[in-house]
PDB file of all heavy atoms in Angstrom:
ATOM      1  N   THR A   1       0.890  -1.154   0.037  1.00  0.00           N
ATOM      2  CA  THR A   1       0.090   0.015  -0.035  1.00  0.00           C
ATOM      3  C   THR A   1       0.818   1.266   0.017  1.00  0.00           C
ATOM      4  O   THR A   1       0.557   2.214  -0.688  1.00  0.00           O
ATOM      5  CB  THR A   1      -0.922   0.026   1.221  1.00  0.00           C
ATOM      6  OG1 THR A   1      -1.756  -1.215   1.250  1.00  0.00           O
ATOM      7  CG2 THR A   1      -1.894   1.147   1.090  1.00  0.00           C
ATOM      8  N   SER A   2       1.815   1.190   0.869  1.00  0.00           N
ATOM      9  CA  SER A   2       2.640   2.529   1.004  1.00  0.00           C
ATOM     10  C   SER A   2       3.920   2.220   1.703  1.00  0.00           C
ATOM     11  O   SER A   2       4.108   1.125   2.356  1.00  0.00           O
ATOM     12  CB  SER A   2       1.911   3.547   1.843  1.00  0.00           C
ATOM     13  OG  SER A   2       1.812   3.135   3.133  1.00  0.00           O
ATOM     14  N   PRO A   3       4.930   3.111   1.689  1.00  0.00           N
ATOM     15  CA  PRO A   3       6.257   2.750   2.364  1.00  0.00           C
ATOM     16  C   PRO A   3       6.069   2.539   3.996  1.00  0.00           C
ATOM     17  O   PRO A   3       6.629   1.594   4.446  1.00  0.00           O
ATOM     18  CB  PRO A   3       6.984   4.078   2.215  1.00  0.00           C
ATOM     19  CG  PRO A   3       6.506   4.572   0.895  1.00  0.00           C
ATOM     20  CD  PRO A   3       5.016   4.339   0.859  1.00  0.00           C
ATOM     21  N   GLN A   4       5.125   3.394   4.578  1.00  0.00           N
ATOM     22  CA  GLN A   4       4.851   3.144   5.947  1.00  0.00           C
ATOM     23  C   GLN A   4       4.176   1.802   6.194  1.00  0.00           C
ATOM     24  O   GLN A   4       4.420   1.098   7.125  1.00  0.00           O
ATOM     25  CB  GLN A   4       3.969   4.291   6.555  1.00  0.00           C
ATOM     26  CG  GLN A   4       4.773   5.570   6.597  1.00  0.00           C
ATOM     27  CD  GLN A   4       3.970   6.698   7.312  1.00  0.00           C
ATOM     28  OE1 GLN A   4       2.824   6.431   7.822  1.00  0.00           O
ATOM     29  NE2 GLN A   4       4.427   7.839   7.352  1.00  0.00           N
ATOM     30  N   SER A   5       3.142   1.400   5.328  1.00  0.00           N
ATOM     31  CA  SER A   5       2.561   0.164   5.451  1.00  0.00           C
ATOM     32  C   SER A   5       3.473  -0.947   5.303  1.00  0.00           C
ATOM     33  O   SER A   5       3.390  -2.018   5.836  1.00  0.00           O
ATOM     34  CB  SER A   5       1.363   0.119   4.453  1.00  0.00           C
ATOM     35  OG  SER A   5       0.738  -1.205   4.423  1.00  0.00           O
ATOM     36  N   ALA A   6       4.396  -0.828   4.363  1.00  0.00           N
ATOM     37  CA  ALA A   6       5.470  -1.866   4.091  1.00  0.00           C
ATOM     38  C   ALA A   6       6.342  -2.119   5.332  1.00  0.00           C
ATOM     39  O   ALA A   6       6.444  -3.358   5.744  1.00  0.00           O
ATOM     40  CB  ALA A   6       6.307  -1.452   2.918  1.00  0.00           C
ATOM     41  N   ILE A   7       6.854  -1.073   5.973  1.00  0.00           N
ATOM     42  CA  ILE A   7       7.706  -1.335   7.100  1.00  0.00           C
ATOM     43  C   ILE A   7       6.974  -1.834   8.264  1.00  0.00           C
ATOM     44  O   ILE A   7       7.448  -2.667   9.007  1.00  0.00           O
ATOM     45  CB  ILE A   7       8.503  -0.044   7.451  1.00  0.00           C
ATOM     46  CG1 ILE A   7       9.588  -0.325   8.343  1.00  0.00           C
ATOM     47  CG2 ILE A   7       7.620   1.115   8.017  1.00  0.00           C
ATOM     48  CD1 ILE A   7      10.675  -1.280   7.971  1.00  0.00           C
ATOM     49  N   LEU A   8       5.654  -1.317   8.583  1.00  0.00           N
ATOM     50  CA  LEU A   8       4.905  -1.781   9.607  1.00  0.00           C
ATOM     51  C   LEU A   8       4.471  -3.316   9.382  1.00  0.00           C
ATOM     52  O   LEU A   8       4.622  -4.060  10.359  1.00  0.00           O
ATOM     53  CB  LEU A   8       3.660  -0.932   9.790  1.00  0.00           C
ATOM     54  CG  LEU A   8       2.757  -1.291  10.992  1.00  0.00           C
ATOM     55  CD1 LEU A   8       3.442  -1.201  12.305  1.00  0.00           C
ATOM     56  CD2 LEU A   8       1.486  -0.357  11.025  1.00  0.00           C
ATOM     57  N   SER A   9       4.216  -3.557   8.237  1.00  0.00           N
ATOM     58  CA  SER A   9       3.698  -5.012   7.987  1.00  0.00           C
ATOM     59  C   SER A   9       4.968  -6.009   8.122  1.00  0.00           C
ATOM     60  O   SER A   9       4.841  -6.966   8.633  1.00  0.00           O
ATOM     61  CB  SER A   9       3.183  -5.168   6.500  1.00  0.00           C
ATOM     62  OG  SER A   9       2.126  -4.261   6.282  1.00  0.00           O
ATOM     63  N   ALA A  10       6.120  -5.479   7.763  1.00  0.00           N
ATOM     64  CA  ALA A  10       7.329  -6.243   8.010  1.00  0.00           C
ATOM     65  C   ALA A  10       7.604  -6.420   9.370  1.00  0.00           C
ATOM     66  O   ALA A  10       8.087  -7.565   9.807  1.00  0.00           O
ATOM     67  CB  ALA A  10       8.400  -5.766   7.238  1.00  0.00           C
ATOM     68  N   ILE A  11       7.543  -5.347  10.159  1.00  0.00           N
ATOM     69  CA  ILE A  11       7.799  -5.404  11.641  1.00  0.00           C
ATOM     70  C   ILE A  11       6.802  -6.341  12.352  1.00  0.00           C
ATOM     71  O   ILE A  11       7.303  -7.140  13.160  1.00  0.00           O
ATOM     72  CB  ILE A  11       7.773  -4.119  12.169  1.00  0.00           C
ATOM     73  CG1 ILE A  11       8.988  -3.289  11.945  1.00  0.00           C
ATOM     74  CG2 ILE A  11       7.608  -4.087  13.740  1.00  0.00           C
ATOM     75  CD1 ILE A  11      10.248  -3.804  12.496  1.00  0.00           C
ATOM     76  N   ILE A  12       5.538  -6.361  11.951  1.00  0.00           N
ATOM     77  CA  ILE A  12       4.617  -7.208  12.525  1.00  0.00           C
ATOM     78  C   ILE A  12       4.931  -8.662  12.153  1.00  0.00           C
ATOM     79  O   ILE A  12       4.838  -9.549  13.109  1.00  0.00           O
ATOM     80  CB  ILE A  12       3.238  -6.890  12.036  1.00  0.00           C
ATOM     81  CG1 ILE A  12       2.781  -5.451  12.628  1.00  0.00           C
ATOM     82  CG2 ILE A  12       2.073  -7.870  12.478  1.00  0.00           C
ATOM     83  CD1 ILE A  12       1.455  -4.974  12.127  1.00  0.00           C
ATOM     84  N   PHE A  13       5.172  -8.989  10.774  1.00  0.00           N
ATOM     85  CA  PHE A  13       5.517 -10.184  10.431  1.00  0.00           C
ATOM     86  C   PHE A  13       6.785 -10.710  11.190  1.00  0.00           C
ATOM     87  O   PHE A  13       6.840 -11.871  11.583  1.00  0.00           O
ATOM     88  CB  PHE A  13       5.711 -10.361   9.023  1.00  0.00           C
ATOM     89  CG  PHE A  13       6.131 -11.618   8.532  1.00  0.00           C
ATOM     90  CD1 PHE A  13       5.308 -12.626   8.124  1.00  0.00           C
ATOM     91  CD2 PHE A  13       7.501 -11.965   8.319  1.00  0.00           C
ATOM     92  CE1 PHE A  13       5.718 -13.911   7.778  1.00  0.00           C
ATOM     93  CE2 PHE A  13       8.010 -13.083   7.719  1.00  0.00           C
ATOM     94  CZ  PHE A  13       7.089 -14.178   7.539  1.00  0.00           C
ATOM     95  N   ASN A  14       7.785  -9.937  11.376  1.00  0.00           N
ATOM     96  CA  ASN A  14       9.020 -10.207  11.979  1.00  0.00           C
ATOM     97  C   ASN A  14       8.693 -10.662  13.475  1.00  0.00           C
ATOM     98  O   ASN A  14       9.341 -11.639  13.881  1.00  0.00           O
ATOM     99  CB  ASN A  14       9.928  -9.014  11.991  1.00  0.00           C
ATOM    100  CG  ASN A  14      11.373  -9.461  12.192  1.00  0.00           C
ATOM    101  OD1 ASN A  14      11.830 -10.270  11.551  1.00  0.00           O
ATOM    102  ND2 ASN A  14      11.936  -8.797  13.168  1.00  0.00           N
ATOM    103  N   ALA A  15       7.729 -10.064  14.163  1.00  0.00           N
ATOM    104  CA  ALA A  15       7.488 -10.354  15.504  1.00  0.00           C
ATOM    105  C   ALA A  15       6.656 -11.662  15.553  1.00  0.00           C
ATOM    106  O   ALA A  15       6.862 -12.533  16.352  1.00  0.00           O
ATOM    107  CB  ALA A  15       6.780  -9.115  16.161  1.00  0.00           C
ATOM    108  N   LEU A  16       5.685 -11.728  14.791  1.00  0.00           N
ATOM    109  CA  LEU A  16       4.731 -12.908  14.854  1.00  0.00           C
ATOM    110  C   LEU A  16       5.371 -14.255  14.456  1.00  0.00           C
ATOM    111  O   LEU A  16       4.879 -15.326  14.887  1.00  0.00           O
ATOM    112  CB  LEU A  16       3.492 -12.635  13.977  1.00  0.00           C
ATOM    113  CG  LEU A  16       2.509 -11.513  14.417  1.00  0.00           C
ATOM    114  CD1 LEU A  16       1.348 -11.397  13.411  1.00  0.00           C
ATOM    115  CD2 LEU A  16       2.107 -11.758  15.867  1.00  0.00           C
ATOM    116  N   ILE A  17       6.308 -14.301  13.592  1.00  0.00           N
ATOM    117  CA  ILE A  17       6.945 -15.544  13.158  1.00  0.00           C
ATOM    118  C   ILE A  17       7.731 -16.250  14.233  1.00  0.00           C
ATOM    119  O   ILE A  17       7.802 -17.424  14.191  1.00  0.00           O
ATOM    120  CB  ILE A  17       7.904 -15.287  11.933  1.00  0.00           C
ATOM    121  CG1 ILE A  17       8.202 -16.557  11.130  1.00  0.00           C
ATOM    122  CG2 ILE A  17       9.218 -14.583  12.424  1.00  0.00           C
ATOM    123  CD1 ILE A  17       6.975 -17.140  10.427  1.00  0.00           C
ATOM    124  N   ILE A  18       8.130 -15.414  15.289  1.00  0.00           N
ATOM    125  CA  ILE A  18       9.011 -16.098  16.375  1.00  0.00           C
ATOM    126  C   ILE A  18       7.955 -16.912  17.182  1.00  0.00           C
ATOM    127  O   ILE A  18       8.197 -18.232  17.322  1.00  0.00           O
ATOM    128  CB  ILE A  18       9.589 -14.952  17.303  1.00  0.00           C
ATOM    129  CG1 ILE A  18      10.576 -14.236  16.398  1.00  0.00           C
ATOM    130  CG2 ILE A  18      10.145 -15.632  18.482  1.00  0.00           C
ATOM    131  CD1 ILE A  18      11.272 -13.040  17.231  1.00  0.00           C
ATOM    132  N   PRO A  19       6.766 -16.468  17.838  1.00  0.00           N
ATOM    133  CA  PRO A  19       5.952 -17.420  18.545  1.00  0.00           C
ATOM    134  C   PRO A  19       5.378 -18.571  17.602  1.00  0.00           C
ATOM    135  O   PRO A  19       5.113 -19.667  18.154  1.00  0.00           O
ATOM    136  CB  PRO A  19       4.729 -16.458  19.123  1.00  0.00           C
ATOM    137  CG  PRO A  19       4.889 -15.312  18.216  1.00  0.00           C
ATOM    138  CD  PRO A  19       6.254 -15.133  17.766  1.00  0.00           C
ATOM    139  N   LEU A  20       5.216 -18.242  16.311  1.00  0.00           N
ATOM    140  CA  LEU A  20       4.707 -19.337  15.470  1.00  0.00           C
ATOM    141  C   LEU A  20       5.714 -20.521  15.395  1.00  0.00           C
ATOM    142  O   LEU A  20       5.291 -21.697  15.198  1.00  0.00           O
ATOM    143  CB  LEU A  20       4.368 -18.778  14.028  1.00  0.00           C
ATOM    144  CG  LEU A  20       3.084 -17.843  14.073  1.00  0.00           C
ATOM    145  CD1 LEU A  20       2.919 -17.394  12.620  1.00  0.00           C
ATOM    146  CD2 LEU A  20       1.872 -18.567  14.499  1.00  0.00           C
ATOM    147  N   LEU A  21       6.961 -20.214  15.457  1.00  0.00           N
ATOM    148  CA  LEU A  21       8.027 -21.237  15.352  1.00  0.00           C
ATOM    149  C   LEU A  21       8.468 -21.834  16.721  1.00  0.00           C
ATOM    150  O   LEU A  21       9.187 -22.823  16.748  1.00  0.00           O
ATOM    151  CB  LEU A  21       9.242 -20.632  14.623  1.00  0.00           C
ATOM    152  CG  LEU A  21       9.080 -20.276  13.143  1.00  0.00           C
ATOM    153  CD1 LEU A  21      10.207 -19.675  12.649  1.00  0.00           C
ATOM    154  CD2 LEU A  21       8.738 -21.487  12.378  1.00  0.00           C
ATOM    155  N   VAL A  22       7.961 -21.275  17.783  1.00  0.00           N
ATOM    156  CA  VAL A  22       8.352 -21.777  19.150  1.00  0.00           C
ATOM    157  C   VAL A  22       8.038 -23.326  19.318  1.00  0.00           C
ATOM    158  O   VAL A  22       8.856 -24.055  19.842  1.00  0.00           O
ATOM    159  CB  VAL A  22       7.654 -20.906  20.283  1.00  0.00           C
ATOM    160  CG1 VAL A  22       7.869 -21.660  21.637  1.00  0.00           C
ATOM    161  CG2 VAL A  22       8.353 -19.592  20.363  1.00  0.00           C
ATOM    162  N   PRO A  23       6.706 -23.671  18.878  1.00  0.00           N
ATOM    163  CA  PRO A  23       6.553 -25.134  19.078  1.00  0.00           C
ATOM    164  C   PRO A  23       7.442 -26.071  18.382  1.00  0.00           C
ATOM    165  O   PRO A  23       7.829 -27.086  18.802  1.00  0.00           O
ATOM    166  CB  PRO A  23       5.069 -25.291  18.583  1.00  0.00           C
ATOM    167  CG  PRO A  23       4.448 -23.918  18.658  1.00  0.00           C
ATOM    168  CD  PRO A  23       5.603 -22.987  18.433  1.00  0.00           C
ATOM    169  N   LEU A  24       7.841 -25.615  17.185  1.00  0.00           N
ATOM    170  CA  LEU A  24       8.739 -26.418  16.382  1.00  0.00           C
ATOM    171  C   LEU A  24      10.219 -26.419  17.089  1.00  0.00           C
ATOM    172  O   LEU A  24      10.942 -27.422  17.167  1.00  0.00           O
ATOM    173  CB  LEU A  24       8.965 -25.885  14.912  1.00  0.00           C
ATOM    174  CG  LEU A  24       9.844 -26.580  14.001  1.00  0.00           C
ATOM    175  CD1 LEU A  24       9.361 -28.079  13.840  1.00  0.00           C
ATOM    176  CD2 LEU A  24       9.926 -25.948  12.617  1.00  0.00           C
ATOM    177  N   ALA A  25      10.548 -25.275  17.554  1.00  0.00           N
ATOM    178  CA  ALA A  25      11.815 -25.242  18.234  1.00  0.00           C
ATOM    179  C   ALA A  25      11.879 -26.049  19.515  1.00  0.00           C
ATOM    180  O   ALA A  25      12.953 -26.696  19.811  1.00  0.00           O
ATOM    181  CB  ALA A  25      12.106 -23.779  18.608  1.00  0.00           C
ATOM    182  N   LEU A  26      10.762 -26.170  20.296  1.00  0.00           N
ATOM    183  CA  LEU A  26      10.769 -26.965  21.411  1.00  0.00           C
ATOM    184  C   LEU A  26      10.518 -28.413  21.133  1.00  0.00           C
ATOM    185  O   LEU A  26      11.019 -29.284  21.852  1.00  0.00           O
ATOM    186  CB  LEU A  26       9.694 -26.508  22.430  1.00  0.00           C
ATOM    187  CG  LEU A  26       9.715 -25.035  22.929  1.00  0.00           C
ATOM    188  CD1 LEU A  26       8.769 -24.689  23.906  1.00  0.00           C
ATOM    189  CD2 LEU A  26      11.153 -24.844  23.517  1.00  0.00           C
ATOM    190  N   LYS A  27       9.659 -28.716  20.266  1.00  0.00           N
ATOM    191  CA  LYS A  27       9.443 -30.182  19.931  1.00  0.00           C
ATOM    192  C   LYS A  27      10.499 -30.775  19.114  1.00  0.00           C
ATOM    193  O   LYS A  27      10.846 -31.842  19.222  1.00  0.00           O
ATOM    194  CB  LYS A  27       8.097 -30.231  19.178  1.00  0.00           C
ATOM    195  CG  LYS A  27       7.537 -31.637  18.856  1.00  0.00           C
ATOM    196  CD  LYS A  27       6.273 -31.648  18.146  1.00  0.00           C
ATOM    197  CE  LYS A  27       5.789 -33.129  17.916  1.00  0.00           C
ATOM    198  NZ  LYS A  27       4.511 -33.171  17.241  1.00  0.00           N
ATOM    199  N   GLY A  28      11.058 -30.018  18.221  1.00  0.00           N
ATOM    200  CA  GLY A  28      12.151 -30.523  17.296  1.00  0.00           C
ATOM    201  C   GLY A  28      11.604 -30.921  15.874  1.00  0.00           C
ATOM    202  O   GLY A  28      10.415 -31.325  15.875  1.00  0.00           O
ATOM    203  N   VAL A  29      12.499 -30.674  14.940  1.00  0.00           N
ATOM    204  CA  VAL A  29      12.079 -31.224  13.634  1.00  0.00           C
ATOM    205  C   VAL A  29      11.959 -32.725  13.655  1.00  0.00           C
ATOM    206  O   VAL A  29      12.740 -33.450  14.129  1.00  0.00           O
ATOM    207  CB  VAL A  29      13.132 -30.681  12.582  1.00  0.00           C
ATOM    208  CG1 VAL A  29      12.890 -31.358  11.269  1.00  0.00           C
ATOM    209  CG2 VAL A  29      13.220 -29.213  12.528  1.00  0.00           C
ATOM    210  N   ALA A  30      11.001 -33.260  12.972  1.00  0.00           N
ATOM    211  CA  ALA A  30      10.776 -34.702  12.908  1.00  0.00           C
ATOM    212  C   ALA A  30      12.032 -35.328  12.177  1.00  0.00           C
ATOM    213  O   ALA A  30      12.601 -34.797  11.158  1.00  0.00           O
ATOM    214  CB  ALA A  30       9.556 -34.973  12.063  1.00  0.00           C
ATOM    215  N   TYR A  31      12.476 -36.426  12.806  1.00  0.00           N
ATOM    216  CA  TYR A  31      13.732 -36.938  12.401  1.00  0.00           C
ATOM    217  C   TYR A  31      13.508 -38.255  11.648  1.00  0.00           C
ATOM    218  O   TYR A  31      12.784 -39.135  12.150  1.00  0.00           O
ATOM    219  CB  TYR A  31      14.704 -37.105  13.554  1.00  0.00           C
ATOM    220  CG  TYR A  31      15.797 -37.963  13.230  1.00  0.00           C
ATOM    221  CD1 TYR A  31      16.908 -37.344  12.359  1.00  0.00           C
ATOM    222  CD2 TYR A  31      16.111 -39.219  13.647  1.00  0.00           C
ATOM    223  CE1 TYR A  31      18.031 -38.191  11.901  1.00  0.00           C
ATOM    224  CE2 TYR A  31      17.320 -39.923  13.190  1.00  0.00           C
ATOM    225  CZ  TYR A  31      18.282 -39.405  12.339  1.00  0.00           C
ATOM    226  OH  TYR A  31      19.308 -40.101  12.061  1.00  0.00           O
ATOM    227  N   ARG A  32      14.284 -38.376  10.486  1.00  0.00           N
ATOM    228  CA  ARG A  32      14.195 -39.685   9.794  1.00  0.00           C
ATOM    229  C   ARG A  32      15.611 -39.953   9.380  1.00  0.00           C
ATOM    230  O   ARG A  32      16.317 -39.124   8.866  1.00  0.00           O
ATOM    231  CB  ARG A  32      13.320 -39.617   8.520  1.00  0.00           C
ATOM    232  CG  ARG A  32      11.880 -39.471   8.748  1.00  0.00           C
ATOM    233  CD  ARG A  32      11.079 -39.782   7.517  1.00  0.00           C
ATOM    234  NE  ARG A  32      11.428 -38.987   6.470  1.00  0.00           N
ATOM    235  CZ  ARG A  32      10.878 -37.781   6.149  1.00  0.00           C
ATOM    236  NH1 ARG A  32       9.854 -37.331   7.015  1.00  0.00           N
ATOM    237  NH2 ARG A  32      11.219 -37.001   5.236  1.00  0.00           N
ATOM    238  N   PRO A  33      16.087 -41.275   9.615  1.00  0.00           N
ATOM    239  CA  PRO A  33      17.532 -41.567   9.195  1.00  0.00           C
ATOM    240  C   PRO A  33      17.777 -41.366   7.740  1.00  0.00           C
ATOM    241  O   PRO A  33      17.049 -41.696   6.885  1.00  0.00           O
ATOM    242  CB  PRO A  33      17.615 -43.041   9.461  1.00  0.00           C
ATOM    243  CG  PRO A  33      16.528 -43.340  10.502  1.00  0.00           C
ATOM    244  CD  PRO A  33      15.472 -42.345  10.183  1.00  0.00           C
ATOM    245  N   MET A  34      18.784 -40.491   7.528  1.00  0.00           N
ATOM    246  CA  MET A  34      19.195 -40.283   6.065  1.00  0.00           C
ATOM    247  C   MET A  34      20.562 -39.711   6.026  1.00  0.00           C
ATOM    248  O   MET A  34      21.041 -39.246   7.066  1.00  0.00           O
ATOM    249  CB  MET A  34      18.184 -39.326   5.364  1.00  0.00           C
ATOM    250  CG  MET A  34      18.088 -37.939   5.985  1.00  0.00           C
ATOM    251  SD  MET A  34      16.967 -36.764   5.044  1.00  0.00           S
ATOM    252  CE  MET A  34      15.384 -37.685   5.379  1.00  0.00           C
ATOM    253  N   GLY A  35      21.226 -39.778   4.951  1.00  0.00           N
ATOM    254  CA  GLY A  35      22.544 -39.204   4.704  1.00  0.00           C
ATOM    255  C   GLY A  35      22.526 -37.647   4.742  1.00  0.00           C
ATOM    256  O   GLY A  35      21.546 -37.042   4.593  1.00  0.00           O
ATOM    257  N   ALA A  36      23.885 -37.195   4.756  1.00  0.00           N
ATOM    258  CA  ALA A  36      23.985 -35.745   4.912  1.00  0.00           C
ATOM    259  C   ALA A  36      23.423 -35.127   3.681  1.00  0.00           C
ATOM    260  O   ALA A  36      22.879 -33.984   3.681  1.00  0.00           O
ATOM    261  CB  ALA A  36      25.479 -35.360   5.127  1.00  0.00           C
ATOM    262  N   GLY A  37      23.687 -35.593   2.479  1.00  0.00           N
ATOM    263  CA  GLY A  37      23.293 -35.041   1.168  1.00  0.00           C
ATOM    264  C   GLY A  37      21.719 -34.904   1.121  1.00  0.00           C
ATOM    265  O   GLY A  37      21.233 -33.791   0.956  1.00  0.00           O
ATOM    266  N   PRO A  38      20.953 -36.087   1.337  1.00  0.00           N
ATOM    267  CA  PRO A  38      19.584 -35.886   1.260  1.00  0.00           C
ATOM    268  C   PRO A  38      19.069 -35.010   2.305  1.00  0.00           C
ATOM    269  O   PRO A  38      17.931 -34.302   2.105  1.00  0.00           O
ATOM    270  CB  PRO A  38      19.130 -37.418   1.520  1.00  0.00           C
ATOM    271  CG  PRO A  38      20.211 -38.227   1.000  1.00  0.00           C
ATOM    272  CD  PRO A  38      21.585 -37.391   1.363  1.00  0.00           C
ATOM    273  N   LEU A  39      19.661 -34.928   3.432  1.00  0.00           N
ATOM    274  CA  LEU A  39      19.174 -34.146   4.628  1.00  0.00           C
ATOM    275  C   LEU A  39      19.301 -32.627   4.195  1.00  0.00           C
ATOM    276  O   LEU A  39      18.441 -31.799   4.394  1.00  0.00           O
ATOM    277  CB  LEU A  39      19.976 -34.429   5.855  1.00  0.00           C
ATOM    278  CG  LEU A  39      19.644 -33.582   7.129  1.00  0.00           C
ATOM    279  CD1 LEU A  39      18.265 -33.831   7.478  1.00  0.00           C
ATOM    280  CD2 LEU A  39      20.609 -33.992   8.234  1.00  0.00           C
ATOM    281  N   LEU A  40      20.367 -32.262   3.560  1.00  0.00           N
ATOM    282  CA  LEU A  40      20.622 -30.918   3.106  1.00  0.00           C
ATOM    283  C   LEU A  40      19.557 -30.485   2.023  1.00  0.00           C
ATOM    284  O   LEU A  40      18.950 -29.440   2.156  1.00  0.00           O
ATOM    285  CB  LEU A  40      21.957 -30.796   2.541  1.00  0.00           C
ATOM    286  CG  LEU A  40      22.318 -29.372   2.001  1.00  0.00           C
ATOM    287  CD1 LEU A  40      22.240 -28.307   3.105  1.00  0.00           C
ATOM    288  CD2 LEU A  40      23.750 -29.332   1.420  1.00  0.00           C
ATOM    289  N   ALA A  41      19.309 -31.431   1.103  1.00  0.00           N
ATOM    290  CA  ALA A  41      18.466 -31.229   0.158  1.00  0.00           C
ATOM    291  C   ALA A  41      16.975 -30.969   0.589  1.00  0.00           C
ATOM    292  O   ALA A  41      16.204 -30.168   0.270  1.00  0.00           O
ATOM    293  CB  ALA A  41      18.398 -32.291  -0.938  1.00  0.00           C
ATOM    294  N   ARG A  42      16.663 -31.837   1.692  1.00  0.00           N
ATOM    295  CA  ARG A  42      15.402 -31.672   2.350  1.00  0.00           C
ATOM    296  C   ARG A  42      15.310 -30.303   3.149  1.00  0.00           C
ATOM    297  O   ARG A  42      14.224 -29.719   2.961  1.00  0.00           O
ATOM    298  CB  ARG A  42      15.136 -32.922   3.339  1.00  0.00           C
ATOM    299  CG  ARG A  42      13.893 -32.749   4.157  1.00  0.00           C
ATOM    300  CD  ARG A  42      13.947 -33.721   5.303  1.00  0.00           C
ATOM    301  NE  ARG A  42      12.771 -33.647   6.192  1.00  0.00           N
ATOM    302  CZ  ARG A  42      12.761 -33.911   7.465  1.00  0.00           C
ATOM    303  NH1 ARG A  42      13.831 -34.420   7.934  1.00  0.00           N
ATOM    304  NH2 ARG A  42      11.678 -33.807   8.128  1.00  0.00           N
ATOM    305  N   ASN A  43      16.220 -29.974   3.767  1.00  0.00           N
ATOM    306  CA  ASN A  43      16.192 -28.641   4.548  1.00  0.00           C
ATOM    307  C   ASN A  43      16.023 -27.542   3.622  1.00  0.00           C
ATOM    308  O   ASN A  43      15.267 -26.632   3.903  1.00  0.00           O
ATOM    309  CB  ASN A  43      17.521 -28.456   5.292  1.00  0.00           C
ATOM    310  CG  ASN A  43      17.362 -28.964   6.814  1.00  0.00           C
ATOM    311  OD1 ASN A  43      16.393 -29.347   7.214  1.00  0.00           O
ATOM    312  ND2 ASN A  43      18.484 -28.793   7.453  1.00  0.00           N
ATOM    313  N   LEU A  44      16.785 -27.568   2.394  1.00  0.00           N
ATOM    314  CA  LEU A  44      16.657 -26.489   1.426  1.00  0.00           C
ATOM    315  C   LEU A  44      15.248 -26.504   0.803  1.00  0.00           C
ATOM    316  O   LEU A  44      14.718 -25.382   0.668  1.00  0.00           O
ATOM    317  CB  LEU A  44      17.724 -26.550   0.406  1.00  0.00           C
ATOM    318  CG  LEU A  44      19.209 -26.414   0.861  1.00  0.00           C
ATOM    319  CD1 LEU A  44      20.134 -26.589  -0.196  1.00  0.00           C
ATOM    320  CD2 LEU A  44      19.306 -24.950   1.386  1.00  0.00           C
TER     321      LEU A  44
END
């Protein structure tokens, strides 16, 4: 919409993404046995 809307929207998103990722940080990413190559490809 505007420069001010852009920075405010980005700041709000920047703040909200943290609590949204807290459950994943505490629970941990689901683990499946695989080599380093496939693991890197999956992460990316």
